Amino acid sequence: MTKDVIALTPRMPDPLSVLAGLLSGGPDRLVGTHGKNALIQLCDAEGRPLVSVEAPQLVQVAGEAERLLGATAPPVPFWWTEARATTGVQEAERLAGTFAGRLVALLGGSAWPPEAAQSLTVVRTDGVSLAPAPAAAQPAVDVLTDKVAVVIQDRPLIAMTAWLSDAFRAATEAGLGLQIVSPAGTALSPAVRDSLPGWPSRWVVQDERDGYYDGRSGAVLRWQEGMFATIGGTDGTAADPRTPVAATYQEVADTGERQLALTFRTVRAADDRLVLGGALESVWRELTGEPPTGWGTAEPASLPWSPRRLTDLAFARAPEPTWAVVVGSAERPGLATLRVSRTKAGVEEEVTLALGYGFDEEPPMTALPTVAETLATHHHLQSMLVQLRKARRDLAVPPRFEGPGVPVSFVLGAEEVRAMAGDRARRTPLSQPPIPLGPSTRPALYYPLPGNPSDLSGWRDFERLMRHLKGA
């Protein structure tokens, strides 16, 4: 049985149903609360947590159970209730499954995983003891050392769940790296990949041939000195010639699938008329013909897409930043992360968007100048980089080599163009001149780049352009 067990039910798990599920493990278990009572824990007689149950979440976005679990959920809206067993405790794994099964028996729906027993990934961490309180009370952290917090995830897609988000936050506040350990065959959500900081944080993949390797770089890893590290103690990049690369990581094949990736930033004045998310929605509609499907502050994205609700949340959290994940329909896979921040310049939105295309589908490259002009003229665009990469249509990040994207275009907003001295923004060392967007008196500039996924020379042109624009 996997360590995480999830009940997908058409009816809300009321307190009596949750209590019945918890007590199905036996009357000798103690029930406690954690995290302002948002988390229920099933403990043994000594108070050690065996199973932690997150508050049920109402999911109103179709396709999230299929995307994240490969499971069929009840029709939306449905309730998503997660139970997490303490690592390596066989009784805890059984109790988590019993809890989820009891909820489904009472409320209908289904449980994930459907099978009653499945092996749990075990991390060989000789010399590491169980984390004492308060670390043991953090349900997402399985191993804690003075260098890293280790989270073990045995799911088909490692998503930015509320639990994993809590682990990111706890590790950052403690000044630790975060290392996510998963079995072979697991993939990573782009939301997790883009949020995972640098060394010593890692995605650690278990492998039959090489033991463990870094899922993003392929570097072979060993547990040493309180964390997973490369052999020889280098910084862990596959580019280091001293670092062996796992054979599994190098087993790749070009399926013809592509991803179109856009990274852009907008800034607007903070006033009562400001509505956030409009720039992302405009881009999404232009490239796919439809708006985003849903959003949330964690995965699964549980709320129908609503710029107004996003705005209300961000303003309620200000001056603290707000992070959100935005998803599209199954017919056109799309995922974006959005970060809203208050700065001296106003309210900034940083967006990373990826759209997936199959081998028989053409990315809408001809629509990119229109997208850029819409952002520049209506959403106060600062800058945007567009890339095309050889990568999976479903957007999942596999523990295999995926070549880097290649730059298709770069866009500089009207205010940034205006702030440059002389004619520097218009006269560049590139072979193609920039395309003006918007009013002729205050244009933004669109810089076309080669954009061939089989040719990385476009990065040289991009680097030359950046040096030129910065006056280097």
Protein backbone atom coordinates (compact mmCIF):
# COMPACT_ATOMS: atom_id res chain seq x y z
CA MET A 1 0.00 0.00 0.00
CA THR A 2 1.29 3.44 -0.84
CA LYS A 3 2.00 5.88 1.92
CA ASP A 4 -0.63 8.34 0.67
CA VAL A 5 -4.22 7.10 0.44
CA ILE A 6 -6.97 9.30 -1.01
CA ALA A 7 -10.75 8.98 -0.80
CA LEU A 8 -12.74 10.55 -3.65
CA THR A 9 -16.35 10.81 -2.53
CA PRO A 10 -19.46 12.47 -3.98
CA ARG A 11 -20.59 13.53 -0.51
CA MET A 12 -18.71 15.57 2.08
CA PRO A 13 -17.04 13.48 4.80
CA ASP A 14 -18.93 14.81 7.81
CA PRO A 15 -17.40 14.55 11.31
CA LEU A 16 -19.21 11.26 12.06
CA SER A 17 -17.92 9.67 8.84
CA VAL A 18 -14.35 10.81 9.54
CA LEU A 19 -14.56 9.53 13.12
CA ALA A 20 -15.94 6.20 11.91
CA GLY A 21 -13.06 5.90 9.47
CA LEU A 22 -10.49 6.71 12.14
CA LEU A 23 -11.97 4.33 14.69
CA SER A 24 -12.08 1.53 12.13
CA GLY A 25 -8.42 1.04 13.00
CA GLY A 26 -9.43 -0.02 16.51
CA PRO A 27 -10.61 1.70 19.68
CA ASP A 28 -7.11 1.72 21.16
CA ARG A 29 -6.00 4.49 18.80
CA LEU A 30 -5.90 8.07 19.99
CA VAL A 31 -7.18 10.93 17.87
CA GLY A 32 -5.49 14.34 18.04
CA THR A 33 -5.36 17.55 16.02
CA HIS A 34 -2.50 19.52 14.50
CA GLY A 35 -2.06 22.82 12.68
CA LYS A 36 -4.95 24.86 14.10
CA ASN A 37 -7.15 21.76 13.94
CA ALA A 38 -6.89 21.57 10.13
CA LEU A 39 -5.24 18.16 10.43
CA ILE A 40 -6.43 15.09 12.34
CA GLN A 41 -3.87 12.53 13.47
CA LEU A 42 -4.32 8.94 14.56
CA CYS A 43 -1.68 8.20 17.22
CA ASP A 44 -0.43 5.21 19.15
CA ALA A 45 -0.54 4.93 22.95
CA GLU A 46 2.67 6.96 23.27
CA GLY A 47 1.27 9.85 21.22
CA ARG A 48 3.30 9.16 18.08
CA PRO A 49 1.34 9.94 14.89
CA LEU A 50 0.50 6.92 12.72
CA VAL A 51 -1.90 8.47 10.20
CA SER A 52 -2.50 12.16 9.40
CA VAL A 53 -5.74 13.15 7.70
CA GLU A 54 -6.07 16.45 5.86
CA ALA A 55 -9.34 18.38 5.96
CA PRO A 56 -11.59 17.27 3.05
CA GLN A 57 -11.28 19.48 -0.03
CA LEU A 58 -14.13 20.22 -2.43
CA VAL A 59 -12.88 19.82 -6.03
CA GLN A 60 -14.95 21.66 -8.64
CA VAL A 61 -12.55 21.19 -11.57
CA ALA A 62 -13.02 18.20 -13.87
CA GLY A 63 -9.99 16.07 -14.74
CA GLU A 64 -7.79 16.73 -11.71
CA ALA A 65 -8.06 13.18 -10.31
CA GLU A 66 -7.22 11.80 -13.74
CA ARG A 67 -4.27 14.19 -14.17
CA LEU A 68 -2.74 13.69 -10.74
CA LEU A 69 -3.66 10.10 -9.87
CA GLY A 70 -4.71 8.40 -13.09
CA ALA A 71 -7.96 7.66 -11.22
CA THR A 72 -11.60 8.06 -12.14
CA ALA A 73 -13.36 10.38 -9.71
CA PRO A 74 -17.07 11.00 -9.15
CA PRO A 75 -18.58 13.78 -11.29
CA VAL A 76 -17.65 17.28 -10.10
CA PRO A 77 -18.05 18.57 -7.53
CA PHE A 78 -16.53 15.83 -5.37
CA TRP A 79 -14.58 15.65 -2.12
CA TRP A 80 -10.86 14.82 -1.96
CA THR A 81 -9.67 13.52 1.44
CA GLU A 82 -6.02 12.53 1.92
CA ALA A 83 -4.62 10.24 4.58
CA ARG A 84 -0.85 9.99 4.99
CA ALA A 85 0.75 7.07 6.81
CA THR A 86 3.92 7.47 8.85
CA THR A 87 6.86 6.20 6.82
CA GLY A 88 7.94 2.61 7.27
CA VAL A 89 5.29 1.70 9.86
CA GLN A 90 3.34 -1.24 8.44
CA GLU A 91 0.47 -0.72 10.84
CA ALA A 92 0.19 2.94 9.78
CA GLU A 93 -0.08 1.96 6.13
CA ARG A 94 -2.88 -0.48 6.94
CA LEU A 95 -4.72 2.09 9.02
CA ALA A 96 -4.58 4.69 6.27
CA GLY A 97 -6.10 2.24 3.80
CA THR A 98 -8.75 1.18 6.28
CA PHE A 99 -9.68 4.81 6.90
CA ALA A 100 -10.10 5.60 3.18
CA GLY A 101 -11.97 2.37 2.54
CA ARG A 102 -14.37 3.12 5.37
CA LEU A 103 -15.09 6.61 4.00
CA VAL A 104 -15.86 5.19 0.56
CA ALA A 105 -18.11 2.50 2.07
CA LEU A 106 -20.10 5.18 3.90
CA LEU A 107 -20.16 7.94 1.27
CA GLY A 108 -19.65 6.21 -2.10
CA GLY A 109 -16.99 7.08 -4.64
CA SER A 110 -13.58 5.43 -4.87
CA ALA A 111 -10.24 5.23 -3.11
CA TRP A 112 -6.76 5.62 -4.52
CA PRO A 113 -4.85 3.41 -4.90
CA PRO A 114 -7.61 0.91 -5.71
CA GLU A 115 -5.62 -2.13 -4.63
CA ALA A 116 -5.59 -3.01 -0.95
CA ALA A 117 -1.84 -3.66 -0.75
CA GLN A 118 1.11 -2.13 -2.51
CA SER A 119 4.75 -1.94 -1.54
CA LEU A 120 5.97 1.26 0.09
CA THR A 121 9.13 2.89 -1.15
CA VAL A 122 11.77 2.53 1.55
CA VAL A 123 14.69 4.92 1.71
CA ARG A 124 17.83 3.34 3.09
CA THR A 125 19.02 5.95 5.56
CA ASP A 126 21.40 4.15 7.88
CA GLY A 127 22.22 6.18 10.95
CA VAL A 128 19.18 8.45 10.69
CA SER A 129 16.71 8.26 13.54
CA LEU A 130 13.09 9.33 13.67
CA ALA A 131 12.71 13.09 13.89
CA PRO A 132 11.82 14.31 17.38
CA ALA A 133 9.01 16.74 18.06
CA PRO A 134 8.21 19.20 16.68
CA ALA A 135 9.66 17.80 13.42
CA ALA A 136 7.76 14.53 13.77
CA ALA A 137 4.58 16.55 14.06
CA GLN A 138 5.12 17.92 10.54
CA PRO A 139 3.20 15.24 8.61
CA ALA A 140 4.86 15.88 5.25
CA VAL A 141 8.46 15.37 6.48
CA ASP A 142 9.68 11.77 6.70
CA VAL A 143 13.35 12.28 7.59
CA LEU A 144 14.92 15.36 9.12
CA THR A 145 18.62 16.10 9.44
CA ASP A 146 20.60 19.25 10.09
CA LYS A 147 20.90 19.76 6.31
CA VAL A 148 17.67 18.66 4.65
CA ALA A 149 14.06 17.65 5.14
CA VAL A 150 13.24 14.48 3.19
CA VAL A 151 9.75 13.78 1.84
CA ILE A 152 8.90 10.35 0.39
CA GLN A 153 6.23 10.38 -2.32
CA ASP A 154 4.88 7.18 -3.91
CA ARG A 155 2.37 8.64 -6.36
CA PRO A 156 2.19 8.55 -10.17
CA LEU A 157 2.59 12.34 -10.30
CA ILE A 158 4.21 14.31 -7.49
CA ALA A 159 2.01 17.37 -7.22
CA MET A 160 2.20 20.58 -5.22
CA THR A 161 -0.28 19.35 -2.64
CA ALA A 162 -1.06 21.31 0.50
CA TRP A 163 1.17 18.92 2.43
CA LEU A 164 4.12 19.32 0.09
CA SER A 165 3.63 23.08 0.10
CA ASP A 166 3.82 22.97 3.90
CA ALA A 167 7.05 20.99 3.64
CA PHE A 168 8.55 23.60 1.29
CA ARG A 169 7.57 26.34 3.72
CA ALA A 170 8.86 24.52 6.81
CA ALA A 171 12.20 23.70 5.16
CA THR A 172 12.68 27.29 4.00
CA GLU A 173 11.90 28.71 7.43
CA ALA A 174 14.36 26.28 9.02
CA GLY A 175 17.09 27.07 6.48
CA LEU A 176 17.09 23.49 5.14
CA GLY A 177 17.02 21.95 1.69
CA LEU A 178 14.05 19.83 0.63
CA GLN A 179 14.64 16.45 -0.98
CA ILE A 180 11.70 14.61 -2.55
CA VAL A 181 12.21 10.85 -2.91
CA SER A 182 10.11 8.79 -5.31
CA PRO A 183 10.19 5.33 -6.93
CA ALA A 184 11.00 4.65 -10.56
CA GLY A 185 8.22 5.57 -12.96
CA THR A 186 7.05 8.61 -11.02
CA ALA A 187 6.75 11.98 -12.75
CA LEU A 188 6.83 15.52 -11.39
CA SER A 189 4.22 18.25 -11.80
CA PRO A 190 5.65 21.39 -13.45
CA ALA A 191 4.38 23.28 -10.38
CA VAL A 192 6.79 21.27 -8.20
CA ARG A 193 9.68 21.40 -10.66
CA ASP A 194 9.46 25.18 -10.92
CA SER A 195 9.23 25.59 -7.14
CA LEU A 196 12.07 23.26 -6.15
CA PRO A 197 15.04 25.44 -5.14
CA GLY A 198 18.66 24.69 -5.92
CA TRP A 199 21.20 22.58 -4.03
CA PRO A 200 20.84 20.81 -1.65
CA SER A 201 17.16 20.47 -2.63
CA ARG A 202 16.57 17.66 -5.10
CA TRP A 203 14.15 15.27 -6.73
CA VAL A 204 15.62 11.87 -5.81
CA VAL A 205 14.54 8.87 -7.91
CA GLN A 206 15.04 5.28 -6.77
CA ASP A 207 16.66 3.13 -9.45
CA GLU A 208 17.40 -0.59 -9.74
CA ARG A 209 20.76 -0.14 -11.48
CA ASP A 210 22.27 2.94 -9.86
CA GLY A 211 20.49 3.10 -6.51
CA TYR A 212 19.39 6.74 -6.57
CA TYR A 213 19.76 9.60 -9.02
CA ASP A 214 18.67 13.21 -9.41
CA GLY A 215 15.50 13.27 -11.52
CA ARG A 216 16.35 16.65 -13.03
CA SER A 217 20.06 16.22 -13.84
CA GLY A 218 20.57 12.43 -13.83
CA ALA A 219 23.46 12.66 -11.33
CA VAL A 220 23.91 9.42 -9.37
CA LEU A 221 23.32 10.00 -5.65
CA ARG A 222 24.14 8.35 -2.34
CA TRP A 223 22.89 9.00 1.20
CA GLN A 224 25.88 10.55 2.92
CA GLU A 225 26.46 13.07 5.71
CA GLY A 226 22.75 13.57 6.34
CA MET A 227 21.44 14.06 2.81
CA PHE A 228 21.36 12.65 -0.72
CA ALA A 229 24.47 13.93 -2.47
CA THR A 230 26.52 13.13 -5.54
CA ILE A 231 29.40 10.72 -5.35
CA GLY A 232 32.50 12.66 -4.43
CA GLY A 233 30.52 15.54 -2.91
CA THR A 234 30.32 17.76 -6.01
CA ASP A 235 27.47 20.23 -6.45
CA GLY A 236 25.39 17.58 -8.19
CA THR A 237 25.08 18.81 -11.74
CA ALA A 238 25.31 16.38 -14.61
CA ALA A 239 27.55 18.92 -16.38
CA ASP A 240 30.30 18.19 -13.85
CA PRO A 241 32.55 15.59 -15.55
CA ARG A 242 33.22 13.95 -12.17
CA THR A 243 29.53 13.17 -11.66
CA PRO A 244 28.30 9.83 -13.05
CA VAL A 245 24.91 10.00 -14.80
CA ALA A 246 22.33 7.25 -14.27
CA ALA A 247 21.76 4.99 -17.28
CA THR A 248 17.99 5.16 -16.81
CA TYR A 249 18.06 8.95 -17.08
CA GLN A 250 19.70 8.72 -20.50
CA GLU A 251 17.11 6.36 -22.02
CA VAL A 252 15.13 8.84 -24.13
CA ALA A 253 13.20 8.78 -27.38
CA ASP A 254 11.75 11.63 -29.41
CA THR A 255 7.98 11.07 -29.55
CA GLY A 256 7.32 14.22 -31.53
CA GLU A 257 5.48 15.81 -28.59
CA ARG A 258 6.13 19.48 -27.89
CA GLN A 259 5.47 22.11 -25.27
CA LEU A 260 5.03 25.82 -25.83
CA ALA A 261 6.26 27.68 -22.75
CA LEU A 262 5.71 31.36 -21.96
CA THR A 263 7.20 33.25 -19.04
CA PHE A 264 6.07 36.84 -18.59
CA ARG A 265 5.76 39.59 -16.02
CA THR A 266 3.23 42.41 -15.78
CA VAL A 267 2.98 45.32 -13.34
CA ARG A 268 -0.03 47.51 -12.65
CA ALA A 269 -0.96 50.17 -10.15
CA ALA A 270 -2.77 48.92 -7.05
CA ASP A 271 -6.27 50.38 -7.07
CA ASP A 272 -9.86 49.28 -6.53
CA ARG A 273 -10.37 48.54 -10.23
CA LEU A 274 -7.48 46.09 -10.51
CA VAL A 275 -8.46 42.51 -11.41
CA LEU A 276 -5.68 39.92 -11.40
CA GLY A 277 -5.32 36.99 -13.76
CA GLY A 278 -6.59 38.89 -16.79
CA ALA A 279 -3.25 38.73 -18.60
CA LEU A 280 -3.03 34.95 -18.14
CA GLU A 281 -6.63 34.47 -19.30
CA SER A 282 -6.04 36.59 -22.41
CA VAL A 283 -2.99 34.53 -23.37
CA TRP A 284 -4.82 31.26 -22.67
CA ARG A 285 -7.81 32.26 -24.82
CA GLU A 286 -5.63 33.45 -27.69
CA LEU A 287 -3.57 30.23 -27.79
CA THR A 288 -6.29 27.66 -27.05
CA GLY A 289 -9.61 29.30 -27.86
CA GLU A 290 -10.88 28.86 -24.30
CA PRO A 291 -10.18 30.21 -20.80
CA PRO A 292 -8.42 28.23 -18.07
CA THR A 293 -10.55 25.56 -16.39
CA GLY A 294 -9.57 25.91 -12.75
CA TRP A 295 -7.16 27.26 -10.18
CA GLY A 296 -6.10 26.90 -6.56
CA THR A 297 -3.30 27.54 -4.10
CA ALA A 298 -2.28 23.87 -4.27
CA GLU A 299 -2.87 20.78 -6.41
CA PRO A 300 -5.47 19.54 -7.11
CA ALA A 301 -6.72 22.84 -8.51
CA SER A 302 -10.12 22.83 -6.85
CA LEU A 303 -11.83 26.08 -7.89
CA PRO A 304 -13.39 27.05 -11.23
CA TRP A 305 -11.35 29.76 -12.92
CA SER A 306 -12.30 33.19 -11.58
CA PRO A 307 -10.06 36.27 -11.82
CA ARG A 308 -12.29 38.02 -9.28
CA ARG A 309 -11.82 35.32 -6.62
CA LEU A 310 -8.08 35.27 -7.33
CA THR A 311 -7.97 39.04 -6.85
CA ASP A 312 -9.91 38.85 -3.58
CA LEU A 313 -7.50 36.23 -2.22
CA ALA A 314 -4.39 38.17 -3.23
CA PHE A 315 -5.66 41.42 -1.69
CA ALA A 316 -6.63 39.59 1.51
CA ARG A 317 -3.08 38.21 1.77
CA ALA A 318 -1.27 41.44 0.88
CA PRO A 319 1.43 42.50 1.49
CA GLU A 320 2.41 38.80 1.55
CA PRO A 321 2.71 37.28 -1.95
CA THR A 322 0.14 34.85 -3.35
CA TRP A 323 1.07 31.74 -5.34
CA ALA A 324 -1.50 29.89 -7.45
CA VAL A 325 -1.64 27.03 -9.95
CA VAL A 326 -3.94 27.30 -12.97
CA VAL A 327 -5.00 24.35 -15.17
CA GLY A 328 -6.68 23.79 -18.52
CA SER A 329 -8.90 21.14 -20.03
CA ALA A 330 -7.90 17.58 -20.87
CA GLU A 331 -8.35 18.33 -24.59
CA ARG A 332 -5.58 20.95 -24.46
CA PRO A 333 -3.25 20.26 -21.54
CA GLY A 334 -2.13 23.48 -19.94
CA LEU A 335 -0.66 24.44 -16.58
CA ALA A 336 0.48 27.79 -15.26
CA THR A 337 1.89 29.06 -12.01
CA LEU A 338 1.10 32.60 -11.01
CA ARG A 339 2.83 34.65 -8.32
CA VAL A 340 1.32 37.98 -7.24
CA SER A 341 3.56 40.40 -5.32
CA ARG A 342 3.30 43.96 -4.04
CA THR A 343 6.35 46.02 -4.98
CA LYS A 344 7.25 49.68 -5.16
CA ALA A 345 6.19 49.63 -8.81
CA GLY A 346 2.71 48.31 -7.99
CA VAL A 347 1.20 44.82 -8.21
CA GLU A 348 3.38 42.41 -10.16
CA GLU A 349 2.20 39.16 -11.72
CA GLU A 350 4.83 36.58 -12.67
CA VAL A 351 3.41 33.85 -14.90
CA THR A 352 4.92 30.61 -16.21
CA LEU A 353 2.60 28.85 -18.68
CA ALA A 354 3.11 25.57 -20.57
CA LEU A 355 0.77 24.09 -23.20
CA GLY A 356 1.21 20.55 -24.54
CA TYR A 357 0.94 19.33 -28.15
CA GLY A 358 1.04 15.84 -29.66
CA PHE A 359 3.17 14.69 -32.59
CA ASP A 360 0.27 15.42 -34.96
CA GLU A 361 -0.53 18.89 -33.51
CA GLU A 362 1.06 22.19 -34.44
CA PRO A 363 1.72 24.76 -31.69
CA PRO A 364 0.11 28.13 -32.59
CA MET A 365 3.32 29.93 -33.40
CA THR A 366 1.69 32.48 -35.69
CA ALA A 367 -0.48 33.70 -32.79
CA LEU A 368 2.50 34.77 -30.67
CA PRO A 369 2.82 38.37 -31.97
CA THR A 370 -0.90 38.89 -31.28
CA VAL A 371 -0.47 37.48 -27.77
CA ALA A 372 2.46 39.81 -27.16
CA GLU A 373 0.55 42.84 -28.45
CA THR A 374 -2.44 42.05 -26.23
CA LEU A 375 -0.21 41.86 -23.16
CA ALA A 376 1.67 45.02 -24.10
CA THR A 377 -1.37 47.17 -24.86
CA HIS A 378 -3.85 45.95 -22.24
CA HIS A 379 -1.91 44.39 -19.36
CA HIS A 380 1.23 46.53 -18.83
CA LEU A 381 3.70 43.86 -19.93
CA GLN A 382 7.28 44.26 -18.71
CA SER A 383 8.87 41.35 -20.56
CA MET A 384 8.10 37.90 -21.98
CA LEU A 385 10.18 34.94 -23.14
CA VAL A 386 8.61 32.25 -25.35
CA GLN A 387 10.23 28.83 -25.74
CA LEU A 388 9.50 25.64 -27.65
CA ARG A 389 10.73 22.36 -26.19
CA LYS A 390 10.69 18.65 -26.90
CA ALA A 391 8.63 17.43 -23.96
CA ARG A 392 5.51 15.50 -23.05
CA ARG A 393 2.07 16.62 -24.17
CA ASP A 394 0.59 15.92 -20.73
CA LEU A 395 3.19 18.33 -19.22
CA ALA A 396 4.38 15.78 -16.63
CA VAL A 397 8.13 15.95 -15.99
CA PRO A 398 9.68 12.46 -16.29
CA PRO A 399 12.90 11.37 -14.54
CA ARG A 400 14.56 11.26 -17.96
CA PHE A 401 16.58 13.72 -19.98
CA GLU A 402 14.46 16.36 -21.68
CA GLY A 403 16.39 18.79 -23.79
CA PRO A 404 16.19 22.46 -22.95
CA GLY A 405 13.65 24.63 -24.66
CA VAL A 406 14.81 26.97 -27.38
CA PRO A 407 13.84 30.64 -27.46
CA VAL A 408 11.17 31.53 -30.02
CA SER A 409 10.83 35.20 -29.17
CA PHE A 410 11.47 37.84 -26.55
CA VAL A 411 9.21 40.82 -25.89
CA LEU A 412 10.09 44.06 -24.15
CA GLY A 413 7.25 46.16 -22.74
CA ALA A 414 6.58 49.74 -23.82
CA GLU A 415 7.82 51.34 -20.58
CA GLU A 416 11.04 49.32 -20.70
CA VAL A 417 11.62 50.34 -24.34
CA ARG A 418 10.99 53.97 -23.47
CA ALA A 419 13.43 53.85 -20.55
CA MET A 420 16.35 52.79 -22.77
CA ALA A 421 18.70 55.49 -23.97
CA GLY A 422 18.77 56.34 -27.66
CA ASP A 423 17.84 53.70 -30.17
CA ARG A 424 19.35 50.75 -28.32
CA ALA A 425 16.11 48.74 -28.05
CA ARG A 426 15.45 49.02 -31.82
CA ARG A 427 18.97 48.57 -33.18
CA THR A 428 20.23 45.14 -32.08
CA PRO A 429 22.95 42.75 -33.28
CA LEU A 430 20.30 40.24 -34.43
CA SER A 431 19.73 39.57 -38.13
CA GLN A 432 16.01 40.36 -37.82
CA PRO A 433 14.83 43.75 -36.58
CA PRO A 434 12.26 43.86 -33.75
CA ILE A 435 8.56 44.17 -34.56
CA PRO A 436 6.84 47.18 -32.95
CA LEU A 437 3.62 46.42 -31.09
CA GLY A 438 0.90 48.84 -30.01
CA PRO A 439 0.85 52.64 -30.47
CA SER A 440 3.64 53.98 -32.65
CA THR A 441 4.43 56.66 -30.07
CA ARG A 442 4.95 54.13 -27.24
CA PRO A 443 5.53 50.72 -28.82
CA ALA A 444 6.56 47.48 -27.20
CA LEU A 445 9.09 45.46 -29.21
CA TYR A 446 8.86 41.82 -30.31
CA TYR A 447 12.22 40.16 -31.05
CA PRO A 448 11.90 37.00 -33.25
CA LEU A 449 14.42 34.22 -32.53
CA PRO A 450 15.12 30.95 -34.45
CA GLY A 451 12.98 28.70 -32.23
CA ASN A 452 14.09 25.33 -33.65
CA PRO A 453 13.97 22.64 -30.91
CA SER A 454 16.76 20.73 -32.66
CA ASP A 455 19.09 23.73 -32.74
CA LEU A 456 20.29 25.36 -29.52
CA SER A 457 22.03 28.21 -31.33
CA GLY A 458 19.02 30.37 -30.57
CA TRP A 459 20.32 30.75 -27.03
CA ARG A 460 23.46 32.43 -28.39
CA ASP A 461 21.25 34.98 -30.16
CA PHE A 462 19.22 35.46 -27.00
CA GLU A 463 22.37 36.00 -24.95
CA ARG A 464 23.65 38.55 -27.46
CA LEU A 465 20.33 40.35 -27.32
CA MET A 466 20.33 40.46 -23.52
CA ARG A 467 23.89 41.81 -23.38
CA HIS A 468 22.97 44.48 -25.92
CA LEU A 469 19.79 45.57 -24.11
CA LYS A 470 21.64 45.78 -20.80
CA GLY A 471 24.37 47.90 -22.40
CA ALA A 472 27.10 45.34 -21.80
